[in-house]
C-alpha atoms as a PDB file:
ATOM      1  CA  MET A   1       0.000   0.000   0.000  1.00  0.00           C
ATOM      2  CA  LEU A   2       1.233   3.476  -0.865  1.00  0.00           C
ATOM      3  CA  LYS A   3       1.443   5.985   1.922  1.00  0.00           C
ATOM      4  CA  LYS A   4       0.845   9.666   1.219  1.00  0.00           C
ATOM      5  CA  ASN A   5       2.503  12.245   3.397  1.00  0.00           C
ATOM      6  CA  ASP A   6       3.962  15.713   3.280  1.00  0.00           C
ATOM      7  CA  ILE A   7       7.299  15.432   1.484  1.00  0.00           C
ATOM      8  CA  GLY A   8       9.502  18.222   2.719  1.00  0.00           C
ATOM      9  CA  PRO A   9      12.989  19.048   1.428  1.00  0.00           C
ATOM     10  CA  GLN A  10      14.821  17.406   4.362  1.00  0.00           C
ATOM     11  CA  ALA A  11      12.814  14.164   4.150  1.00  0.00           C
ATOM     12  CA  TYR A  12      13.467  14.062   0.404  1.00  0.00           C
ATOM     13  CA  ARG A  13      17.229  14.604   0.907  1.00  0.00           C
ATOM     14  CA  ASP A  14      17.295  11.890   3.588  1.00  0.00           C
ATOM     15  CA  ALA A  15      15.642   9.426   1.213  1.00  0.00           C
ATOM     16  CA  MET A  16      17.977  10.386  -1.659  1.00  0.00           C
ATOM     17  CA  ALA A  17      20.965   9.723   0.644  1.00  0.00           C
ATOM     18  CA  LYS A  18      20.022   6.035   0.303  1.00  0.00           C
ATOM     19  CA  PHE A  19      20.490   6.292  -3.470  1.00  0.00           C
ATOM     20  CA  ALA A  20      24.071   5.304  -4.314  1.00  0.00           C
ATOM     21  CA  GLY A  21      25.655   7.293  -7.122  1.00  0.00           C
ATOM     22  CA  HIS A  22      28.885   7.050  -9.101  1.00  0.00           C
ATOM     23  CA  VAL A  23      30.982  10.169  -8.462  1.00  0.00           C
ATOM     24  CA  GLN A  24      32.035  12.247 -11.447  1.00  0.00           C
ATOM     25  CA  ILE A  25      33.557  15.658 -11.966  1.00  0.00           C
ATOM     26  CA  VAL A  26      31.949  17.813 -14.621  1.00  0.00           C
ATOM     27  CA  THR A  27      34.255  20.483 -16.027  1.00  0.00           C
ATOM     28  CA  THR A  28      34.172  23.350 -18.490  1.00  0.00           C
ATOM     29  CA  ASN A  29      36.527  25.985 -19.825  1.00  0.00           C
ATOM     30  CA  GLY A  30      36.224  28.727 -22.411  1.00  0.00           C
ATOM     31  CA  PRO A  31      35.197  32.374 -22.686  1.00  0.00           C
ATOM     32  CA  GLY A  32      33.129  32.116 -19.483  1.00  0.00           C
ATOM     33  CA  GLY A  33      36.042  30.746 -17.475  1.00  0.00           C
ATOM     34  CA  LEU A  34      37.120  27.560 -15.709  1.00  0.00           C
ATOM     35  CA  ARG A  35      34.649  25.577 -13.596  1.00  0.00           C
ATOM     36  CA  GLY A  36      34.349  22.125 -12.090  1.00  0.00           C
ATOM     37  CA  ALA A  37      31.710  20.463  -9.947  1.00  0.00           C
ATOM     38  CA  THR A  38      31.573  17.093  -8.215  1.00  0.00           C
ATOM     39  CA  VAL A  39      28.326  15.332  -9.174  1.00  0.00           C
ATOM     40  CA  THR A  40      26.426  12.058  -8.974  1.00  0.00           C
ATOM     41  CA  ALA A  41      23.431  13.064 -11.106  1.00  0.00           C
ATOM     42  CA  SER A  42      24.537  12.078 -14.607  1.00  0.00           C
ATOM     43  CA  CYS A  43      23.765   9.338 -17.086  1.00  0.00           C
ATOM     44  CA  SER A  44      23.697   8.212 -20.690  1.00  0.00           C
ATOM     45  CA  VAL A  45      20.840   9.450 -22.867  1.00  0.00           C
ATOM     46  CA  SER A  46      21.676   7.793 -26.201  1.00  0.00           C
ATOM     47  CA  ASP A  47      24.466   5.899 -27.947  1.00  0.00           C
ATOM     48  CA  THR A  48      23.438   6.979 -31.472  1.00  0.00           C
ATOM     49  CA  PRO A  49      24.406   9.751 -31.406  1.00  0.00           C
ATOM     50  CA  PRO A  50      26.289   9.523 -28.106  1.00  0.00           C
ATOM     51  CA  VAL A  51      24.624  11.910 -25.634  1.00  0.00           C
ATOM     52  CA  VAL A  52      24.969  12.238 -21.864  1.00  0.00           C
ATOM     53  CA  LEU A  53      23.235  14.422 -19.308  1.00  0.00           C
ATOM     54  CA  VAL A  54      24.307  15.981 -16.040  1.00  0.00           C
ATOM     55  CA  CYS A  55      22.260  17.894 -13.466  1.00  0.00           C
ATOM     56  CA  LEU A  56      23.652  21.043 -11.838  1.00  0.00           C
ATOM     57  CA  ASN A  57      22.223  23.390  -9.233  1.00  0.00           C
ATOM     58  CA  ARG A  58      21.025  26.395 -11.232  1.00  0.00           C
ATOM     59  CA  GLU A  59      20.636  28.480  -8.078  1.00  0.00           C
ATOM     60  CA  ASN A  60      24.447  28.674  -7.982  1.00  0.00           C
ATOM     61  CA  PRO A  61      25.309  31.482 -10.431  1.00  0.00           C
ATOM     62  CA  LYS A  62      28.833  30.035 -10.862  1.00  0.00           C
ATOM     63  CA  ASN A  63      27.276  27.182 -12.858  1.00  0.00           C
ATOM     64  CA  ASP A  64      26.156  29.619 -15.585  1.00  0.00           C
ATOM     65  CA  VAL A  65      29.684  29.314 -16.981  1.00  0.00           C
ATOM     66  CA  PHE A  66      28.711  25.935 -18.492  1.00  0.00           C
ATOM     67  CA  LEU A  67      26.193  27.756 -20.709  1.00  0.00           C
ATOM     68  CA  ALA A  68      28.658  30.526 -21.568  1.00  0.00           C
ATOM     69  CA  ASN A  69      31.324  28.015 -22.634  1.00  0.00           C
ATOM     70  CA  GLY A  70      29.013  25.645 -24.510  1.00  0.00           C
ATOM     71  CA  ASN A  71      31.005  22.582 -23.465  1.00  0.00           C
ATOM     72  CA  PHE A  72      31.540  20.160 -20.619  1.00  0.00           C
ATOM     73  CA  ALA A  73      33.486  17.021 -19.830  1.00  0.00           C
ATOM     74  CA  LEU A  74      32.149  14.293 -17.581  1.00  0.00           C
ATOM     75  CA  ASN A  75      35.094  12.639 -15.796  1.00  0.00           C
ATOM     76  CA  THR A  76      34.292   9.288 -14.136  1.00  0.00           C
ATOM     77  CA  LEU A  77      36.198   8.784 -10.876  1.00  0.00           C
ATOM     78  CA  GLY A  78      37.810   5.801  -9.209  1.00  0.00           C
ATOM     79  CA  ALA A  79      38.391   5.340  -5.480  1.00  0.00           C
ATOM     80  CA  ARG A  80      41.839   6.952  -5.713  1.00  0.00           C
ATOM     81  CA  HIS A  81      40.199  10.203  -6.865  1.00  0.00           C
ATOM     82  CA  GLN A  82      38.367  10.870  -3.585  1.00  0.00           C
ATOM     83  CA  PRO A  83      40.760  13.729  -2.591  1.00  0.00           C
ATOM     84  CA  LEU A  84      40.195  15.339  -6.010  1.00  0.00           C
ATOM     85  CA  ALA A  85      36.404  15.013  -5.681  1.00  0.00           C
ATOM     86  CA  ALA A  86      36.605  16.734  -2.290  1.00  0.00           C
ATOM     87  CA  ALA A  87      38.891  19.481  -3.648  1.00  0.00           C
ATOM     88  CA  ILE A  88      36.706  20.304  -6.665  1.00  0.00           C
ATOM     89  CA  SER A  89      33.557  20.351  -4.511  1.00  0.00           C
ATOM     90  CA  GLY A  90      35.116  22.891  -2.152  1.00  0.00           C
ATOM     91  CA  GLN A  91      35.201  20.561   0.860  1.00  0.00           C
ATOM     92  CA  THR A  92      38.932  21.164   1.348  1.00  0.00           C
ATOM     93  CA  GLY A  93      38.576  24.935   1.573  1.00  0.00           C
ATOM     94  CA  LEU A  94      40.687  25.821  -1.464  1.00  0.00           C
ATOM     95  CA  PRO A  95      39.390  29.282  -2.412  1.00  0.00           C
ATOM     96  CA  THR A  96      39.798  29.331  -6.208  1.00  0.00           C
ATOM     97  CA  MET A  97      38.850  26.932  -8.948  1.00  0.00           C
ATOM     98  CA  ALA A  98      42.413  27.094 -10.328  1.00  0.00           C
ATOM     99  CA  GLU A  99      43.762  25.894  -6.959  1.00  0.00           C
ATOM    100  CA  ARG A 100      41.190  23.089  -6.808  1.00  0.00           C
ATOM    101  CA  PHE A 101      42.160  21.855 -10.275  1.00  0.00           C
ATOM    102  CA  LYS A 102      45.795  21.501  -9.143  1.00  0.00           C
ATOM    103  CA  ALA A 103      44.707  18.389  -7.199  1.00  0.00           C
ATOM    104  CA  GLY A 104      44.466  16.480 -10.518  1.00  0.00           C
ATOM    105  CA  GLU A 105      46.249  16.146 -13.838  1.00  0.00           C
ATOM    106  CA  TRP A 106      44.266  17.568 -16.749  1.00  0.00           C
ATOM    107  CA  ASP A 107      44.420  17.815 -20.517  1.00  0.00           C
ATOM    108  CA  THR A 108      41.840  18.389 -23.261  1.00  0.00           C
ATOM    109  CA  ILE A 109      40.405  16.139 -25.966  1.00  0.00           C
ATOM    110  CA  ALA A 110      38.030  17.957 -28.316  1.00  0.00           C
ATOM    111  CA  THR A 111      36.003  20.839 -26.828  1.00  0.00           C
ATOM    112  CA  GLY A 112      38.536  22.552 -24.577  1.00  0.00           C
ATOM    113  CA  ALA A 113      36.862  21.343 -21.376  1.00  0.00           C
ATOM    114  CA  PRO A 114      39.406  19.964 -18.884  1.00  0.00           C
ATOM    115  CA  THR A 115      39.639  16.159 -18.968  1.00  0.00           C
ATOM    116  CA  LEU A 116      41.156  14.147 -16.124  1.00  0.00           C
ATOM    117  CA  THR A 117      44.046  12.168 -17.587  1.00  0.00           C
ATOM    118  CA  ASP A 118      43.623   9.145 -15.286  1.00  0.00           C
ATOM    119  CA  ALA A 119      39.808   9.030 -15.107  1.00  0.00           C
ATOM    120  CA  MET A 120      38.023   5.703 -15.546  1.00  0.00           C
ATOM    121  CA  ALA A 121      36.206   7.264 -18.503  1.00  0.00           C
ATOM    122  CA  VAL A 122      35.885  10.749 -19.966  1.00  0.00           C
ATOM    123  CA  PHE A 123      32.986  12.040 -22.059  1.00  0.00           C
ATOM    124  CA  ASP A 124      33.990  15.344 -23.696  1.00  0.00           C
ATOM    125  CA  CYS A 125      30.819  17.085 -24.814  1.00  0.00           C
ATOM    126  CA  GLU A 126      29.434  19.912 -26.876  1.00  0.00           C
ATOM    127  CA  LEU A 127      26.463  21.386 -24.995  1.00  0.00           C
ATOM    128  CA  ILE A 128      23.418  20.802 -27.219  1.00  0.00           C
ATOM    129  CA  ASP A 129      20.454  21.518 -24.929  1.00  0.00           C
ATOM    130  CA  THR A 130      19.416  22.445 -21.395  1.00  0.00           C
ATOM    131  CA  LYS A 131      16.255  22.021 -19.369  1.00  0.00           C
ATOM    132  CA  ASP A 132      15.511  23.936 -16.157  1.00  0.00           C
ATOM    133  CA  ILE A 133      13.496  21.959 -13.626  1.00  0.00           C
ATOM    134  CA  ALA A 134      12.923  23.309 -10.104  1.00  0.00           C
ATOM    135  CA  THR A 135      16.325  24.060  -8.522  1.00  0.00           C
ATOM    136  CA  HIS A 136      18.400  22.313 -11.184  1.00  0.00           C
ATOM    137  CA  ARG A 137      19.470  22.646 -14.795  1.00  0.00           C
ATOM    138  CA  VAL A 138      19.915  19.513 -16.882  1.00  0.00           C
ATOM    139  CA  LEU A 139      22.749  19.830 -19.400  1.00  0.00           C
ATOM    140  CA  PHE A 140      22.637  17.584 -22.465  1.00  0.00           C
ATOM    141  CA  GLY A 141      25.928  17.022 -24.256  1.00  0.00           C
ATOM    142  CA  ARG A 142      26.809  15.370 -27.542  1.00  0.00           C
ATOM    143  CA  VAL A 143      29.960  13.365 -26.914  1.00  0.00           C
ATOM    144  CA  THR A 144      32.659  14.632 -29.292  1.00  0.00           C
ATOM    145  CA  GLY A 145      35.637  13.072 -27.501  1.00  0.00           C
ATOM    146  CA  LEU A 146      35.988   9.906 -25.467  1.00  0.00           C
ATOM    147  CA  ARG A 147      38.724   8.318 -23.376  1.00  0.00           C
ATOM    148  CA  ILE A 148      38.519   4.975 -21.598  1.00  0.00           C
ATOM    149  CA  GLY A 149      40.991   4.641 -18.743  1.00  0.00           C
ATOM    150  CA  ASP A 150      41.998   1.918 -16.344  1.00  0.00           C
ATOM    151  CA  ASN A 151      39.441  -0.358 -14.727  1.00  0.00           C
ATOM    152  CA  LEU A 152      39.482   1.021 -11.163  1.00  0.00           C
ATOM    153  CA  GLU A 153      37.293   0.574  -8.121  1.00  0.00           C
ATOM    154  CA  PRO A 154      34.527   3.124  -8.799  1.00  0.00           C
ATOM    155  CA  LEU A 155      34.135   5.993  -6.359  1.00  0.00           C
ATOM    156  CA  MET A 156      30.568   6.056  -5.065  1.00  0.00           C
ATOM    157  CA  TYR A 157      28.592   8.442  -2.881  1.00  0.00           C
ATOM    158  CA  TYR A 158      26.131   6.831  -0.474  1.00  0.00           C
ATOM    159  CA  ASP A 159      24.523   7.991   2.770  1.00  0.00           C
ATOM    160  CA  ARG A 160      26.351  11.339   2.512  1.00  0.00           C
ATOM    161  CA  ASN A 161      29.799   9.702   2.377  1.00  0.00           C
ATOM    162  CA  TYR A 162      32.281   8.554  -0.248  1.00  0.00           C
ATOM    163  CA  THR A 163      32.551   4.770  -0.533  1.00  0.00           C
ATOM    164  CA  VAL A 164      33.615   2.078  -3.001  1.00  0.00           C
ATOM    165  CA  LEU A 165      31.881  -1.028  -4.307  1.00  0.00           C
END
């Protein structure tokens, strides 16, 4: 039997904490500047053509740079990347994005978005569409560059903590 109740923001966040997600860093660079964000809300949309999506908080004006640049790279993390995930997210207290990026080794593939050289997988994307829903913006990217790295233990986020499978 389904139970109806008042679903407040905290109850929703508590329930979503039980949803395990693979940790990725989404990056961009271009005329709007350098930006990275640690995310778990991303997935494949299509393989023909290859398209991925990622969800970002649109209430953070710093995320508007993804629109200004028109590109993003989705960098799939392994367990060894936990310090980088924390640095990019701001958990380590590094004040600038440039300082946060120094925690990893980066290059570019096709769009100019930073790509993590030792990521499990990298999807370098041209931004092709966006959709604003509630507090978030969904970015859709056509994959224009791809790199498959080593088979590592995937870095996961579950119950508000980093973990591995």
